[in-house]
Amino acid sequence: MKKILFSFVIIWGSFIYAQADLYNTNWYLKKVVKNNINYNLPQNSEIGSPILTFTSTSNPGALSTTNLNSSICGQSISALLYNIDMTTTTLNFWTYVVGIGNTCTTPENITFSPLYTGYFGQNFPVHSYQITYTGNTKTLILTNGLGDQTFYQSGNLNTNDISHNLAEKITIIYPNPATDYLVIESKHPIEWTKVYNSEGRLILQNKYETKLDISALSKGGYFLEVKSQNGTSKHKFIKE
């Protein structure tokens, strides 16, 4: 009995640890693998940095659930998972929805975005997942029933890392928390700004703006992405 209980504790502890990694991370899309062919995310401002998030919800009188959310080229991706079905290696999509209305216009984005939405559009509710670690970076791999995969990292670790870090040092935002407006100051001209909610969904984007009107946003935490001639920086802010 003690051995059984000990094994259960180990398994349950691993499950909680895996869940914590899923929930507490913004997973940035890196590539899609379809039919064993790698398709890397295009690096341009139109497609940006698609994010995958997992948000746990607890509903009184019902089973606890997790919401999966992502988006690409204006198309939302969402799925509902019951936590009781989640393990350290598998996820079970009870319902999943892929939105319509692709907004991308660049040929490489038009080619890539259906590969990403198509991964979730397959009628395979059970997906396996794996989280690996390299230093402070986490990598998430999702695999569907066809063997297609999507790869994510816990940060935008690519050839532009140096410019990202430099851009963050020379770009500041204030006030934070903010009520009506968010001011952006950068040593280089701003090309575009994007605001994501806590689920990683793009909810606001502008070109060349240094003062963002956020009065219509609900109270809560958000992520701001700023693209200047020196690179892309990411900032957290609170709307009061």
Protein backbone atom coordinates (compact mmCIF):
# COMPACT_ATOMS: atom_id res chain seq x y z
CA MET A 1 0.00 0.00 0.00
CA LYS A 2 2.83 2.42 0.88
CA LYS A 3 4.54 1.72 -2.45
CA ILE A 4 1.29 2.39 -4.32
CA LEU A 5 0.71 5.61 -2.40
CA PHE A 6 4.31 6.71 -2.98
CA SER A 7 4.00 6.06 -6.72
CA PHE A 8 0.76 8.02 -6.81
CA VAL A 9 2.40 10.98 -5.07
CA ILE A 10 5.27 10.98 -7.58
CA ILE A 11 2.89 10.83 -10.56
CA TRP A 12 0.60 13.50 -9.12
CA GLY A 13 3.57 15.73 -8.30
CA SER A 14 4.87 15.40 -11.86
CA PHE A 15 1.40 16.23 -13.16
CA ILE A 16 1.16 19.40 -11.06
CA TYR A 17 4.67 20.40 -12.16
CA ALA A 18 3.77 19.91 -15.83
CA GLN A 19 0.56 21.88 -15.38
CA ALA A 20 2.45 24.75 -13.77
CA ASP A 21 4.74 24.94 -16.79
CA LEU A 22 1.80 24.95 -19.18
CA TYR A 23 -0.15 27.62 -17.30
CA ASN A 24 2.62 30.00 -16.29
CA THR A 25 4.20 30.42 -19.71
CA ASN A 26 3.47 32.38 -22.85
CA TRP A 27 4.38 29.85 -25.53
CA TYR A 28 5.73 31.59 -28.65
CA LEU A 29 5.18 29.67 -31.89
CA LYS A 30 8.39 28.69 -33.69
CA LYS A 31 7.47 26.17 -36.34
CA VAL A 32 4.97 23.62 -37.63
CA VAL A 33 5.96 20.13 -38.75
CA LYS A 34 3.61 18.51 -41.26
CA ASN A 35 4.34 15.23 -43.06
CA ASN A 36 7.84 15.39 -41.53
CA ILE A 37 8.54 18.73 -43.22
CA ASN A 38 9.57 21.72 -41.10
CA TYR A 39 7.82 25.05 -41.71
CA ASN A 40 9.43 27.84 -39.70
CA LEU A 41 7.38 30.83 -38.61
CA PRO A 42 7.98 33.72 -41.06
CA GLN A 43 9.87 36.61 -39.47
CA ASN A 44 7.91 39.74 -40.33
CA SER A 45 5.75 42.31 -38.59
CA GLU A 46 2.47 41.24 -40.20
CA ILE A 47 2.42 37.75 -38.71
CA GLY A 48 4.15 38.88 -35.51
CA SER A 49 4.74 36.36 -32.73
CA PRO A 50 1.73 34.03 -32.28
CA ILE A 51 1.35 32.95 -28.66
CA LEU A 52 -0.26 29.85 -27.17
CA THR A 53 -1.61 30.03 -23.60
CA PHE A 54 -3.27 27.65 -21.15
CA THR A 55 -5.62 29.16 -18.55
CA SER A 56 -7.13 27.05 -15.76
CA THR A 57 -10.66 27.80 -14.64
CA SER A 58 -12.59 26.38 -11.70
CA ASN A 59 -16.37 26.31 -12.00
CA PRO A 60 -18.38 25.52 -8.84
CA GLY A 61 -20.45 22.42 -9.32
CA ALA A 62 -18.56 21.37 -12.43
CA LEU A 63 -15.27 19.78 -13.35
CA SER A 64 -12.30 22.13 -13.46
CA THR A 65 -11.32 23.01 -16.99
CA THR A 66 -8.47 24.58 -18.94
CA ASN A 67 -8.83 26.98 -21.85
CA LEU A 68 -6.30 26.81 -24.68
CA ASN A 69 -6.02 29.98 -26.77
CA SER A 70 -3.93 31.18 -29.67
CA SER A 71 -4.34 33.23 -32.84
CA ILE A 72 -2.63 33.85 -36.15
CA CYS A 73 -3.42 36.36 -38.90
CA GLY A 74 -6.60 37.38 -37.11
CA GLN A 75 -7.88 33.79 -36.78
CA SER A 76 -8.53 32.68 -33.22
CA ILE A 77 -7.82 29.16 -32.01
CA SER A 78 -9.41 27.84 -28.82
CA ALA A 79 -9.99 24.53 -27.08
CA LEU A 80 -11.61 23.32 -23.87
CA LEU A 81 -9.85 20.67 -21.80
CA TYR A 82 -11.09 18.96 -18.66
CA ASN A 83 -8.28 18.91 -16.11
CA ILE A 84 -9.17 15.41 -15.00
CA ASP A 85 -8.16 14.18 -18.49
CA MET A 86 -4.80 15.93 -18.48
CA THR A 87 -1.66 13.91 -17.78
CA THR A 88 2.05 14.73 -17.86
CA THR A 89 2.14 13.74 -21.55
CA THR A 90 -1.37 14.08 -23.03
CA LEU A 91 -4.14 16.65 -23.51
CA ASN A 92 -7.72 15.88 -24.51
CA PHE A 93 -9.55 18.57 -26.51
CA TRP A 94 -13.24 18.20 -25.70
CA THR A 95 -14.16 21.10 -27.94
CA TYR A 96 -11.97 23.13 -30.24
CA VAL A 97 -12.69 26.01 -32.61
CA VAL A 98 -10.67 27.62 -35.39
CA GLY A 99 -11.94 31.02 -36.46
CA ILE A 100 -12.34 32.31 -40.00
CA GLY A 101 -11.23 35.48 -41.73
CA ASN A 102 -7.48 35.30 -42.36
CA THR A 103 -6.15 38.86 -42.41
CA CYS A 104 -2.60 38.24 -43.63
CA THR A 105 -1.64 39.56 -47.07
CA THR A 106 2.02 38.59 -47.40
CA PRO A 107 2.43 35.43 -49.53
CA GLU A 108 4.68 33.65 -47.02
CA ASN A 109 2.17 34.34 -44.24
CA ILE A 110 -0.76 33.20 -46.36
CA THR A 111 1.12 29.95 -46.95
CA PHE A 112 2.17 29.39 -43.34
CA SER A 113 -0.95 30.36 -41.35
CA PRO A 114 -3.18 27.50 -42.67
CA LEU A 115 -0.50 25.04 -41.57
CA TYR A 116 -0.86 26.32 -38.01
CA THR A 117 -4.66 26.51 -37.94
CA GLY A 118 -4.79 23.19 -39.80
CA TYR A 119 -2.90 21.47 -37.00
CA PHE A 120 -5.77 22.26 -34.62
CA GLY A 121 -8.44 21.67 -37.26
CA GLN A 122 -7.88 17.92 -37.42
CA ASN A 123 -10.47 15.69 -35.79
CA PHE A 124 -8.08 14.24 -33.21
CA PRO A 125 -9.05 15.26 -29.67
CA VAL A 126 -6.05 13.60 -27.99
CA HIS A 127 -2.73 15.43 -28.33
CA SER A 128 0.55 14.45 -26.77
CA TYR A 129 2.91 17.10 -25.45
CA GLN A 130 6.48 17.34 -24.25
CA ILE A 131 8.28 20.12 -22.38
CA THR A 132 12.07 20.28 -22.50
CA TYR A 133 14.53 22.69 -20.90
CA THR A 134 17.68 24.39 -22.18
CA GLY A 135 19.02 26.77 -19.57
CA ASN A 136 16.20 29.18 -18.77
CA THR A 137 14.36 28.38 -21.99
CA LYS A 138 11.46 25.94 -22.19
CA THR A 139 10.30 24.26 -25.38
CA LEU A 140 6.79 22.84 -25.83
CA ILE A 141 5.99 20.30 -28.55
CA LEU A 142 2.38 19.37 -29.34
CA THR A 143 1.65 16.33 -31.50
CA ASN A 144 -1.75 15.41 -32.96
CA GLY A 145 -3.10 12.08 -34.13
CA LEU A 146 -1.59 12.51 -37.61
CA GLY A 147 1.86 13.02 -36.18
CA ASP A 148 1.86 16.71 -37.12
CA GLN A 149 3.55 18.96 -34.58
CA THR A 150 3.71 22.53 -33.40
CA PHE A 151 6.82 23.84 -31.61
CA TYR A 152 6.85 26.70 -29.10
CA GLN A 153 9.43 28.37 -26.87
CA SER A 154 9.08 30.36 -23.68
CA GLY A 155 10.65 33.38 -25.39
CA ASN A 156 11.47 34.70 -28.82
CA LEU A 157 14.87 33.03 -29.03
CA ASN A 158 16.01 33.52 -32.62
CA THR A 159 18.60 35.36 -34.64
CA ASN A 160 17.09 38.66 -33.52
CA ASP A 161 17.71 38.03 -29.79
CA ILE A 162 20.38 40.70 -29.53
CA SER A 163 18.18 43.35 -31.15
CA HIS A 164 15.25 42.29 -28.92
CA ASN A 165 17.32 42.79 -25.79
CA LEU A 166 18.71 46.11 -26.99
CA ALA A 167 15.25 47.34 -28.01
CA GLU A 168 13.92 46.55 -24.54
CA LYS A 169 16.66 48.65 -22.97
CA ILE A 170 15.96 51.73 -25.11
CA THR A 171 12.15 51.51 -25.16
CA ILE A 172 10.13 52.52 -22.11
CA ILE A 173 6.41 52.72 -21.41
CA TYR A 174 4.52 54.77 -18.80
CA PRO A 175 2.45 55.21 -16.75
CA ASN A 176 2.18 51.68 -15.48
CA PRO A 177 -0.44 50.99 -14.18
CA ALA A 178 -2.34 53.13 -16.70
CA THR A 179 -5.97 54.23 -17.02
CA ASP A 180 -6.58 55.95 -20.35
CA TYR A 181 -3.32 56.21 -22.26
CA LEU A 182 0.01 54.42 -22.46
CA VAL A 183 3.00 56.49 -23.59
CA ILE A 184 5.84 54.78 -25.49
CA GLU A 185 9.28 56.33 -25.70
CA SER A 186 11.96 54.89 -27.96
CA LYS A 187 15.27 56.16 -29.31
CA HIS A 188 14.23 54.90 -32.72
CA PRO A 189 11.04 55.53 -34.75
CA ILE A 190 8.23 53.12 -33.87
CA GLU A 191 6.89 51.03 -36.73
CA TRP A 192 3.99 49.30 -34.98
CA THR A 193 2.57 48.35 -31.59
CA LYS A 194 0.46 45.36 -30.58
CA VAL A 195 -1.44 44.67 -27.36
CA TYR A 196 -2.21 41.11 -26.24
CA ASN A 197 -4.50 40.06 -23.41
CA SER A 198 -3.45 37.66 -20.66
CA GLU A 199 -4.46 34.71 -22.88
CA GLY A 200 -2.07 35.83 -25.61
CA ARG A 201 -4.82 37.02 -27.97
CA LEU A 202 -4.10 40.08 -30.10
CA ILE A 203 -6.69 42.73 -29.21
CA LEU A 204 -5.18 46.02 -30.40
CA GLN A 205 -2.63 47.08 -32.99
CA ASN A 206 -1.49 50.40 -34.39
CA LYS A 207 1.18 51.83 -36.67
CA TYR A 208 3.58 54.61 -35.72
CA GLU A 209 1.77 55.33 -32.43
CA THR A 210 3.67 56.68 -29.42
CA LYS A 211 0.54 57.23 -27.31
CA LEU A 212 -1.91 54.35 -27.10
CA ASP A 213 -5.55 54.85 -26.17
CA ILE A 214 -6.33 51.98 -23.79
CA SER A 215 -9.45 53.49 -22.24
CA ALA A 216 -11.68 50.83 -23.83
CA LEU A 217 -9.71 47.91 -22.37
CA SER A 218 -11.03 46.03 -19.36
CA LYS A 219 -9.08 46.20 -16.13
CA GLY A 220 -6.30 43.65 -15.89
CA GLY A 221 -2.84 42.69 -17.13
CA TYR A 222 -1.72 42.98 -20.76
CA PHE A 223 1.35 42.54 -22.93
CA LEU A 224 2.62 45.26 -25.25
CA GLU A 225 4.85 44.46 -28.23
CA VAL A 226 6.72 47.39 -29.79
CA LYS A 227 8.55 47.22 -33.13
CA SER A 228 11.08 49.95 -33.82
CA GLN A 229 13.90 50.25 -36.33
CA ASN A 230 16.17 48.75 -33.70
CA GLY A 231 14.16 45.60 -32.99
CA THR A 232 11.13 44.29 -31.12
CA SER A 233 10.56 44.66 -27.39
CA LYS A 234 7.89 43.25 -25.10
CA HIS A 235 6.46 44.87 -22.00
CA LYS A 236 3.86 44.03 -19.37
CA PHE A 237 1.39 46.67 -18.22
CA ILE A 238 -1.71 46.91 -16.04
CA LYS A 239 -4.92 48.67 -17.04
CA GLU A 240 -6.72 50.16 -14.03
